[in-house]
Amino acid sequence: MPLDSEQNNSKNTSGNVEKTRAASHQAGLAMELPFTLVAAVLLGGGLGYFLDRWLHTKPILMLVFGGLGFFAGVREVIRRVSASGNG
């Protein structure tokens, strides 16, 4: 009789571990994605800002590269979310 309860216990424990692992992976991904998006926008905008200062084209390149950074950030977020859904 104790063997049956041990087998059921190990199956429940294994299922709980997998659920906990999946939940912690999702929580980590949810905390990482905003930083990914913001970093892409700041990198693009910063690059545009320094190019504007160098070429004397005040806000044009900062807006263009900031927009490209936003596009790249959204694309990266979508890529990471879709990759985590498959695995």
PDB file of N, CA and C in Angstrom:
ATOM      1  N   MET A   1       0.796  -1.193   0.000  1.00  0.00           N
ATOM      2  CA  MET A   1       0.000   0.000   0.000  1.00  0.00           C
ATOM      3  C   MET A   1       0.845   1.266   0.000  1.00  0.00           C
ATOM      4  N   PRO A   2       1.911   1.380   0.766  1.00  0.00           N
ATOM      5  CA  PRO A   2       2.717   2.589   0.738  1.00  0.00           C
ATOM      6  C   PRO A   2       3.342   2.846  -0.626  1.00  0.00           C
ATOM      7  N   LEU A   3       3.587   1.787  -1.382  1.00  0.00           N
ATOM      8  CA  LEU A   3       4.200   1.987  -2.694  1.00  0.00           C
ATOM      9  C   LEU A   3       3.279   2.765  -3.626  1.00  0.00           C
ATOM     10  N   ASP A   4       1.969   2.490  -3.556  1.00  0.00           N
ATOM     11  CA  ASP A   4       1.031   3.207  -4.411  1.00  0.00           C
ATOM     12  C   ASP A   4       1.008   4.696  -4.087  1.00  0.00           C
ATOM     13  N   SER A   5       1.001   5.021  -2.825  1.00  0.00           N
ATOM     14  CA  SER A   5       0.955   6.428  -2.454  1.00  0.00           C
ATOM     15  C   SER A   5       2.270   7.122  -2.816  1.00  0.00           C
ATOM     16  N   GLU A   6       3.400   6.422  -2.752  1.00  0.00           N
ATOM     17  CA  GLU A   6       4.676   7.020  -3.143  1.00  0.00           C
ATOM     18  C   GLU A   6       4.713   7.314  -4.634  1.00  0.00           C
ATOM     19  N   GLN A   7       4.158   6.405  -5.435  1.00  0.00           N
ATOM     20  CA  GLN A   7       4.135   6.633  -6.874  1.00  0.00           C
ATOM     21  C   GLN A   7       3.248   7.822  -7.207  1.00  0.00           C
ATOM     22  N   ASN A   8       2.101   7.922  -6.602  1.00  0.00           N
ATOM     23  CA  ASN A   8       1.217   9.062  -6.841  1.00  0.00           C
ATOM     24  C   ASN A   8       1.863  10.353  -6.371  1.00  0.00           C
ATOM     25  N   ASN A   9       2.552  10.283  -5.244  1.00  0.00           N
ATOM     26  CA  ASN A   9       3.245  11.454  -4.725  1.00  0.00           C
ATOM     27  C   ASN A   9       4.329  11.926  -5.664  1.00  0.00           C
ATOM     28  N   SER A  10       5.097  11.002  -6.232  1.00  0.00           N
ATOM     29  CA  SER A  10       6.179  11.393  -7.140  1.00  0.00           C
ATOM     30  C   SER A  10       5.631  11.993  -8.421  1.00  0.00           C
ATOM     31  N   LYS A  11       4.500  11.496  -8.892  1.00  0.00           N
ATOM     32  CA  LYS A  11       3.890  12.073 -10.094  1.00  0.00           C
ATOM     33  C   LYS A  11       3.397  13.484  -9.807  1.00  0.00           C
ATOM     34  N   ASN A  12       2.771  13.684  -8.648  1.00  0.00           N
ATOM     35  CA  ASN A  12       2.298  15.023  -8.276  1.00  0.00           C
ATOM     36  C   ASN A  12       3.456  15.979  -8.080  1.00  0.00           C
ATOM     37  N   THR A  13       4.522  15.496  -7.447  1.00  0.00           N
ATOM     38  CA  THR A  13       5.684  16.342  -7.216  1.00  0.00           C
ATOM     39  C   THR A  13       6.326  16.736  -8.536  1.00  0.00           C
ATOM     40  N   SER A  14       6.430  15.787  -9.449  1.00  0.00           N
ATOM     41  CA  SER A  14       7.015  16.069 -10.762  1.00  0.00           C
ATOM     42  C   SER A  14       6.162  17.084 -11.527  1.00  0.00           C
ATOM     43  N   GLY A  15       4.845  16.928 -11.460  1.00  0.00           N
ATOM     44  CA  GLY A  15       3.950  17.874 -12.118  1.00  0.00           C
ATOM     45  C   GLY A  15       4.035  19.256 -11.502  1.00  0.00           C
ATOM     46  N   ASN A  16       4.161  19.302 -10.187  1.00  0.00           N
ATOM     47  CA  ASN A  16       4.283  20.593  -9.502  1.00  0.00           C
ATOM     48  C   ASN A  16       5.588  21.284  -9.856  1.00  0.00           C
ATOM     49  N   VAL A  17       6.660  20.506  -9.975  1.00  0.00           N
ATOM     50  CA  VAL A  17       7.954  21.080 -10.336  1.00  0.00           C
ATOM     51  C   VAL A  17       7.894  21.668 -11.743  1.00  0.00           C
ATOM     52  N   GLU A  18       7.273  20.960 -12.654  1.00  0.00           N
ATOM     53  CA  GLU A  18       7.159  21.461 -14.035  1.00  0.00           C
ATOM     54  C   GLU A  18       6.299  22.726 -14.093  1.00  0.00           C
ATOM     55  N   LYS A  19       5.211  22.742 -13.334  1.00  0.00           N
ATOM     56  CA  LYS A  19       4.350  23.938 -13.311  1.00  0.00           C
ATOM     57  C   LYS A  19       5.104  25.123 -12.723  1.00  0.00           C
ATOM     58  N   THR A  20       5.862  24.868 -11.661  1.00  0.00           N
ATOM     59  CA  THR A  20       6.634  25.936 -11.035  1.00  0.00           C
ATOM     60  C   THR A  20       7.711  26.446 -11.975  1.00  0.00           C
ATOM     61  N   ARG A  21       8.373  25.539 -12.667  1.00  0.00           N
ATOM     62  CA  ARG A  21       9.416  25.928 -13.613  1.00  0.00           C
ATOM     63  C   ARG A  21       8.833  26.757 -14.754  1.00  0.00           C
ATOM     64  N   ALA A  22       7.677  26.356 -15.275  1.00  0.00           N
ATOM     65  CA  ALA A  22       7.045  27.102 -16.363  1.00  0.00           C
ATOM     66  C   ALA A  22       6.604  28.488 -15.890  1.00  0.00           C
ATOM     67  N   ALA A  23       6.050  28.550 -14.681  1.00  0.00           N
ATOM     68  CA  ALA A  23       5.601  29.841 -14.155  1.00  0.00           C
ATOM     69  C   ALA A  23       6.774  30.784 -13.910  1.00  0.00           C
ATOM     70  N   SER A  24       7.882  30.257 -13.394  1.00  0.00           N
ATOM     71  CA  SER A  24       9.037  31.123 -13.154  1.00  0.00           C
ATOM     72  C   SER A  24       9.672  31.571 -14.464  1.00  0.00           C
ATOM     73  N   HIS A  25       9.636  30.716 -15.484  1.00  0.00           N
ATOM     74  CA  HIS A  25      10.156  31.117 -16.800  1.00  0.00           C
ATOM     75  C   HIS A  25       9.305  32.245 -17.383  1.00  0.00           C
ATOM     76  N   GLN A  26       7.995  32.120 -17.269  1.00  0.00           N
ATOM     77  CA  GLN A  26       7.103  33.160 -17.773  1.00  0.00           C
ATOM     78  C   GLN A  26       7.271  34.458 -17.001  1.00  0.00           C
ATOM     79  N   ALA A  27       7.458  34.368 -15.696  1.00  0.00           N
ATOM     80  CA  ALA A  27       7.661  35.577 -14.894  1.00  0.00           C
ATOM     81  C   ALA A  27       8.977  36.254 -15.259  1.00  0.00           C
ATOM     82  N   GLY A  28      10.008  35.473 -15.460  1.00  0.00           N
ATOM     83  CA  GLY A  28      11.297  36.042 -15.871  1.00  0.00           C
ATOM     84  C   GLY A  28      11.206  36.719 -17.224  1.00  0.00           C
ATOM     85  N   LEU A  29      10.501  36.081 -18.148  1.00  0.00           N
ATOM     86  CA  LEU A  29      10.322  36.668 -19.472  1.00  0.00           C
ATOM     87  C   LEU A  29       9.517  37.963 -19.387  1.00  0.00           C
ATOM     88  N   ALA A  30       8.485  37.985 -18.553  1.00  0.00           N
ATOM     89  CA  ALA A  30       7.655  39.184 -18.402  1.00  0.00           C
ATOM     90  C   ALA A  30       8.447  40.336 -17.798  1.00  0.00           C
ATOM     91  N   MET A  31       9.417  40.031 -16.943  1.00  0.00           N
ATOM     92  CA  MET A  31      10.232  41.104 -16.356  1.00  0.00           C
ATOM     93  C   MET A  31      11.340  41.552 -17.307  1.00  0.00           C
ATOM     94  N   GLU A  32      11.735  40.712 -18.237  1.00  0.00           N
ATOM     95  CA  GLU A  32      12.829  41.030 -19.155  1.00  0.00           C
ATOM     96  C   GLU A  32      12.363  41.840 -20.362  1.00  0.00           C
ATOM     97  N   LEU A  33      11.174  41.580 -20.852  1.00  0.00           N
ATOM     98  CA  LEU A  33      10.717  42.184 -22.100  1.00  0.00           C
ATOM     99  C   LEU A  33      10.616  43.710 -22.082  1.00  0.00           C
ATOM    100  N   PRO A  34      10.132  44.348 -21.027  1.00  0.00           N
ATOM    101  CA  PRO A  34      10.114  45.821 -21.050  1.00  0.00           C
ATOM    102  C   PRO A  34      11.509  46.424 -21.183  1.00  0.00           C
ATOM    103  N   PHE A  35      12.500  45.803 -20.536  1.00  0.00           N
ATOM    104  CA  PHE A  35      13.867  46.313 -20.644  1.00  0.00           C
ATOM    105  C   PHE A  35      14.396  46.153 -22.065  1.00  0.00           C
ATOM    106  N   THR A  36      14.017  45.085 -22.734  1.00  0.00           N
ATOM    107  CA  THR A  36      14.433  44.865 -24.117  1.00  0.00           C
ATOM    108  C   THR A  36      13.882  45.958 -25.020  1.00  0.00           C
ATOM    109  N   LEU A  37      12.611  46.269 -24.857  1.00  0.00           N
ATOM    110  CA  LEU A  37      11.984  47.300 -25.689  1.00  0.00           C
ATOM    111  C   LEU A  37      12.587  48.672 -25.416  1.00  0.00           C
ATOM    112  N   VAL A  38      12.737  49.033 -24.158  1.00  0.00           N
ATOM    113  CA  VAL A  38      13.281  50.343 -23.799  1.00  0.00           C
ATOM    114  C   VAL A  38      14.731  50.475 -24.252  1.00  0.00           C
ATOM    115  N   ALA A  39      15.508  49.411 -24.092  1.00  0.00           N
ATOM    116  CA  ALA A  39      16.916  49.455 -24.503  1.00  0.00           C
ATOM    117  C   ALA A  39      17.047  49.663 -26.008  1.00  0.00           C
ATOM    118  N   ALA A  40      16.182  49.029 -26.793  1.00  0.00           N
ATOM    119  CA  ALA A  40      16.243  49.202 -28.247  1.00  0.00           C
ATOM    120  C   ALA A  40      15.925  50.645 -28.643  1.00  0.00           C
ATOM    121  N   VAL A  41      14.923  51.233 -28.011  1.00  0.00           N
ATOM    122  CA  VAL A  41      14.560  52.623 -28.319  1.00  0.00           C
ATOM    123  C   VAL A  41      15.684  53.571 -27.894  1.00  0.00           C
ATOM    124  N   LEU A  42      16.239  53.358 -26.703  1.00  0.00           N
ATOM    125  CA  LEU A  42      17.319  54.226 -26.231  1.00  0.00           C
ATOM    126  C   LEU A  42      18.575  54.085 -27.089  1.00  0.00           C
ATOM    127  N   LEU A  43      18.882  52.885 -27.510  1.00  0.00           N
ATOM    128  CA  LEU A  43      20.048  52.685 -28.360  1.00  0.00           C
ATOM    129  C   LEU A  43      19.871  53.374 -29.711  1.00  0.00           C
ATOM    130  N   GLY A  44      18.707  53.185 -30.331  1.00  0.00           N
ATOM    131  CA  GLY A  44      18.448  53.844 -31.607  1.00  0.00           C
ATOM    132  C   GLY A  44      18.405  55.353 -31.477  1.00  0.00           C
ATOM    133  N   GLY A  45      17.716  55.851 -30.456  1.00  0.00           N
ATOM    134  CA  GLY A  45      17.636  57.298 -30.239  1.00  0.00           C
ATOM    135  C   GLY A  45      18.985  57.906 -29.897  1.00  0.00           C
ATOM    136  N   GLY A  46      19.771  57.198 -29.103  1.00  0.00           N
ATOM    137  CA  GLY A  46      21.110  57.684 -28.749  1.00  0.00           C
ATOM    138  C   GLY A  46      22.028  57.747 -29.956  1.00  0.00           C
ATOM    139  N   LEU A  47      21.956  56.720 -30.787  1.00  0.00           N
ATOM    140  CA  LEU A  47      22.755  56.728 -32.016  1.00  0.00           C
ATOM    141  C   LEU A  47      22.340  57.886 -32.917  1.00  0.00           C
ATOM    142  N   GLY A  48      21.031  58.098 -33.046  1.00  0.00           N
ATOM    143  CA  GLY A  48      20.536  59.220 -33.839  1.00  0.00           C
ATOM    144  C   GLY A  48      20.939  60.562 -33.261  1.00  0.00           C
ATOM    145  N   TYR A  49      20.925  60.670 -31.947  1.00  0.00           N
ATOM    146  CA  TYR A  49      21.320  61.916 -31.284  1.00  0.00           C
ATOM    147  C   TYR A  49      22.775  62.259 -31.586  1.00  0.00           C
ATOM    148  N   PHE A  50      23.670  61.283 -31.457  1.00  0.00           N
ATOM    149  CA  PHE A  50      25.080  61.554 -31.717  1.00  0.00           C
ATOM    150  C   PHE A  50      25.351  61.800 -33.201  1.00  0.00           C
ATOM    151  N   LEU A  51      24.613  61.132 -34.078  1.00  0.00           N
ATOM    152  CA  LEU A  51      24.751  61.432 -35.508  1.00  0.00           C
ATOM    153  C   LEU A  51      24.235  62.830 -35.820  1.00  0.00           C
ATOM    154  N   ASP A  52      23.153  63.244 -35.173  1.00  0.00           N
ATOM    155  CA  ASP A  52      22.638  64.606 -35.347  1.00  0.00           C
ATOM    156  C   ASP A  52      23.666  65.649 -34.911  1.00  0.00           C
ATOM    157  N   ARG A  53      24.302  65.416 -33.787  1.00  0.00           N
ATOM    158  CA  ARG A  53      25.322  66.367 -33.316  1.00  0.00           C
ATOM    159  C   ARG A  53      26.510  66.415 -34.263  1.00  0.00           C
ATOM    160  N   TRP A  54      26.886  65.264 -34.803  1.00  0.00           N
ATOM    161  CA  TRP A  54      28.052  65.200 -35.680  1.00  0.00           C
ATOM    162  C   TRP A  54      27.747  65.824 -37.042  1.00  0.00           C
ATOM    163  N   LEU A  55      26.546  65.560 -37.581  1.00  0.00           N
ATOM    164  CA  LEU A  55      26.183  66.036 -38.914  1.00  0.00           C
ATOM    165  C   LEU A  55      25.378  67.347 -38.882  1.00  0.00           C
ATOM    166  N   HIS A  56      25.075  67.890 -37.699  1.00  0.00           N
ATOM    167  CA  HIS A  56      24.317  69.135 -37.539  1.00  0.00           C
ATOM    168  C   HIS A  56      22.946  69.066 -38.215  1.00  0.00           C
ATOM    169  N   THR A  57      22.234  67.970 -37.977  1.00  0.00           N
ATOM    170  CA  THR A  57      20.893  67.786 -38.548  1.00  0.00           C
ATOM    171  C   THR A  57      19.869  67.653 -37.432  1.00  0.00           C
ATOM    172  N   LYS A  58      19.856  68.523 -36.484  1.00  0.00           N
ATOM    173  CA  LYS A  58      19.174  68.393 -35.195  1.00  0.00           C
ATOM    174  C   LYS A  58      18.004  67.420 -35.172  1.00  0.00           C
ATOM    175  N   PRO A  59      16.882  67.363 -34.914  1.00  0.00           N
ATOM    176  CA  PRO A  59      16.188  66.174 -34.405  1.00  0.00           C
ATOM    177  C   PRO A  59      15.860  65.080 -35.421  1.00  0.00           C
ATOM    178  N   ILE A  60      16.251  65.271 -36.680  1.00  0.00           N
ATOM    179  CA  ILE A  60      15.807  64.342 -37.736  1.00  0.00           C
ATOM    180  C   ILE A  60      16.300  62.911 -37.491  1.00  0.00           C
ATOM    181  N   LEU A  61      17.601  62.727 -37.383  1.00  0.00           N
ATOM    182  CA  LEU A  61      18.145  61.376 -37.263  1.00  0.00           C
ATOM    183  C   LEU A  61      17.790  60.728 -35.923  1.00  0.00           C
ATOM    184  N   MET A  62      17.654  61.532 -34.889  1.00  0.00           N
ATOM    185  CA  MET A  62      17.248  60.973 -33.603  1.00  0.00           C
ATOM    186  C   MET A  62      15.842  60.386 -33.695  1.00  0.00           C
ATOM    187  N   LEU A  63      14.946  61.070 -34.374  1.00  0.00           N
ATOM    188  CA  LEU A  63      13.589  60.548 -34.543  1.00  0.00           C
ATOM    189  C   LEU A  63      13.573  59.311 -35.435  1.00  0.00           C
ATOM    190  N   VAL A  64      14.353  59.346 -36.514  1.00  0.00           N
ATOM    191  CA  VAL A  64      14.390  58.199 -37.434  1.00  0.00           C
ATOM    192  C   VAL A  64      14.963  56.975 -36.736  1.00  0.00           C
ATOM    193  N   PHE A  65      16.120  57.133 -36.096  1.00  0.00           N
ATOM    194  CA  PHE A  65      16.742  55.990 -35.433  1.00  0.00           C
ATOM    195  C   PHE A  65      15.964  55.561 -34.186  1.00  0.00           C
ATOM    196  N   GLY A  66      15.315  56.484 -33.499  1.00  0.00           N
ATOM    197  CA  GLY A  66      14.446  56.126 -32.382  1.00  0.00           C
ATOM    198  C   GLY A  66      13.268  55.287 -32.851  1.00  0.00           C
ATOM    199  N   GLY A  67      12.686  55.663 -33.996  1.00  0.00           N
ATOM    200  CA  GLY A  67      11.599  54.869 -34.586  1.00  0.00           C
ATOM    201  C   GLY A  67      12.071  53.498 -35.023  1.00  0.00           C
ATOM    202  N   LEU A  68      13.263  53.444 -35.622  1.00  0.00           N
ATOM    203  CA  LEU A  68      13.823  52.144 -36.009  1.00  0.00           C
ATOM    204  C   LEU A  68      14.122  51.285 -34.775  1.00  0.00           C
ATOM    205  N   GLY A  69      14.589  51.934 -33.715  1.00  0.00           N
ATOM    206  CA  GLY A  69      14.821  51.206 -32.463  1.00  0.00           C
ATOM    207  C   GLY A  69      13.528  50.667 -31.882  1.00  0.00           C
ATOM    208  N   PHE A  70      12.466  51.458 -31.956  1.00  0.00           N
ATOM    209  CA  PHE A  70      11.166  50.991 -31.478  1.00  0.00           C
ATOM    210  C   PHE A  70      10.697  49.793 -32.287  1.00  0.00           C
ATOM    211  N   PHE A  71      10.825  49.868 -33.599  1.00  0.00           N
ATOM    212  CA  PHE A  71      10.437  48.762 -34.472  1.00  0.00           C
ATOM    213  C   PHE A  71      11.253  47.513 -34.142  1.00  0.00           C
ATOM    214  N   ALA A  72      12.563  47.679 -33.972  1.00  0.00           N
ATOM    215  CA  ALA A  72      13.420  46.539 -33.652  1.00  0.00           C
ATOM    216  C   ALA A  72      13.082  45.971 -32.274  1.00  0.00           C
ATOM    217  N   GLY A  73      12.758  46.819 -31.313  1.00  0.00           N
ATOM    218  CA  GLY A  73      12.394  46.351 -29.985  1.00  0.00           C
ATOM    219  C   GLY A  73      11.099  45.558 -29.985  1.00  0.00           C
ATOM    220  N   VAL A  74      10.101  46.053 -30.694  1.00  0.00           N
ATOM    221  CA  VAL A  74       8.825  45.332 -30.790  1.00  0.00           C
ATOM    222  C   VAL A  74       9.037  43.997 -31.494  1.00  0.00           C
ATOM    223  N   ARG A  75       9.838  44.006 -32.533  1.00  0.00           N
ATOM    224  CA  ARG A  75      10.129  42.770 -33.269  1.00  0.00           C
ATOM    225  C   ARG A  75      10.829  41.741 -32.371  1.00  0.00           C
ATOM    226  N   GLU A  76      11.765  42.199 -31.549  1.00  0.00           N
ATOM    227  CA  GLU A  76      12.478  41.314 -30.638  1.00  0.00           C
ATOM    228  C   GLU A  76      11.547  40.770 -29.552  1.00  0.00           C
ATOM    229  N   VAL A  77      10.656  41.602 -29.035  1.00  0.00           N
ATOM    230  CA  VAL A  77       9.693  41.145 -28.041  1.00  0.00           C
ATOM    231  C   VAL A  77       8.781  40.073 -28.636  1.00  0.00           C
ATOM    232  N   ILE A  78       8.283  40.299 -29.837  1.00  0.00           N
ATOM    233  CA  ILE A  78       7.420  39.327 -30.496  1.00  0.00           C
ATOM    234  C   ILE A  78       8.179  38.030 -30.751  1.00  0.00           C
ATOM    235  N   ARG A  79       9.453  38.129 -31.152  1.00  0.00           N
ATOM    236  CA  ARG A  79      10.255  36.937 -31.406  1.00  0.00           C
ATOM    237  C   ARG A  79      10.435  36.121 -30.129  1.00  0.00           C
ATOM    238  N   ARG A  80      10.732  36.797 -29.025  1.00  0.00           N
ATOM    239  CA  ARG A  80      10.962  36.091 -27.763  1.00  0.00           C
ATOM    240  C   ARG A  80       9.684  35.474 -27.220  1.00  0.00           C
ATOM    241  N   VAL A  81       8.557  36.173 -27.345  1.00  0.00           N
ATOM    242  CA  VAL A  81       7.293  35.638 -26.857  1.00  0.00           C
ATOM    243  C   VAL A  81       6.870  34.427 -27.680  1.00  0.00           C
ATOM    244  N   SER A  82       7.025  34.504 -28.990  1.00  0.00           N
ATOM    245  CA  SER A  82       6.633  33.361 -29.828  1.00  0.00           C
ATOM    246  C   SER A  82       7.585  32.183 -29.627  1.00  0.00           C
ATOM    247  N   ALA A  83       8.852  32.430 -29.360  1.00  0.00           N
ATOM    248  CA  ALA A  83       9.800  31.343 -29.105  1.00  0.00           C
ATOM    249  C   ALA A  83       9.519  30.672 -27.768  1.00  0.00           C
ATOM    250  N   SER A  84       9.072  31.436 -26.775  1.00  0.00           N
ATOM    251  CA  SER A  84       8.784  30.834 -25.468  1.00  0.00           C
ATOM    252  C   SER A  84       7.488  30.030 -25.511  1.00  0.00           C
ATOM    253  N   GLY A  85       6.584  30.377 -26.407  1.00  0.00           N
ATOM    254  CA  GLY A  85       5.345  29.620 -26.536  1.00  0.00           C
ATOM    255  C   GLY A  85       5.564  28.253 -27.163  1.00  0.00           C
ATOM    256  N   ASN A  86       6.588  28.116 -27.984  1.00  0.00           N
ATOM    257  CA  ASN A  86       6.872  26.836 -28.639  1.00  0.00           C
ATOM    258  C   ASN A  86       7.577  25.855 -27.720  1.00  0.00           C
ATOM    259  N   GLY A  87       8.368  26.365 -26.755  1.00  0.00           N
ATOM    260  CA  GLY A  87       9.178  25.477 -25.938  1.00  0.00           C
ATOM    261  C   GLY A  87       8.670  25.294 -24.617  1.00  0.00           C
TER     262      GLY A  87
END
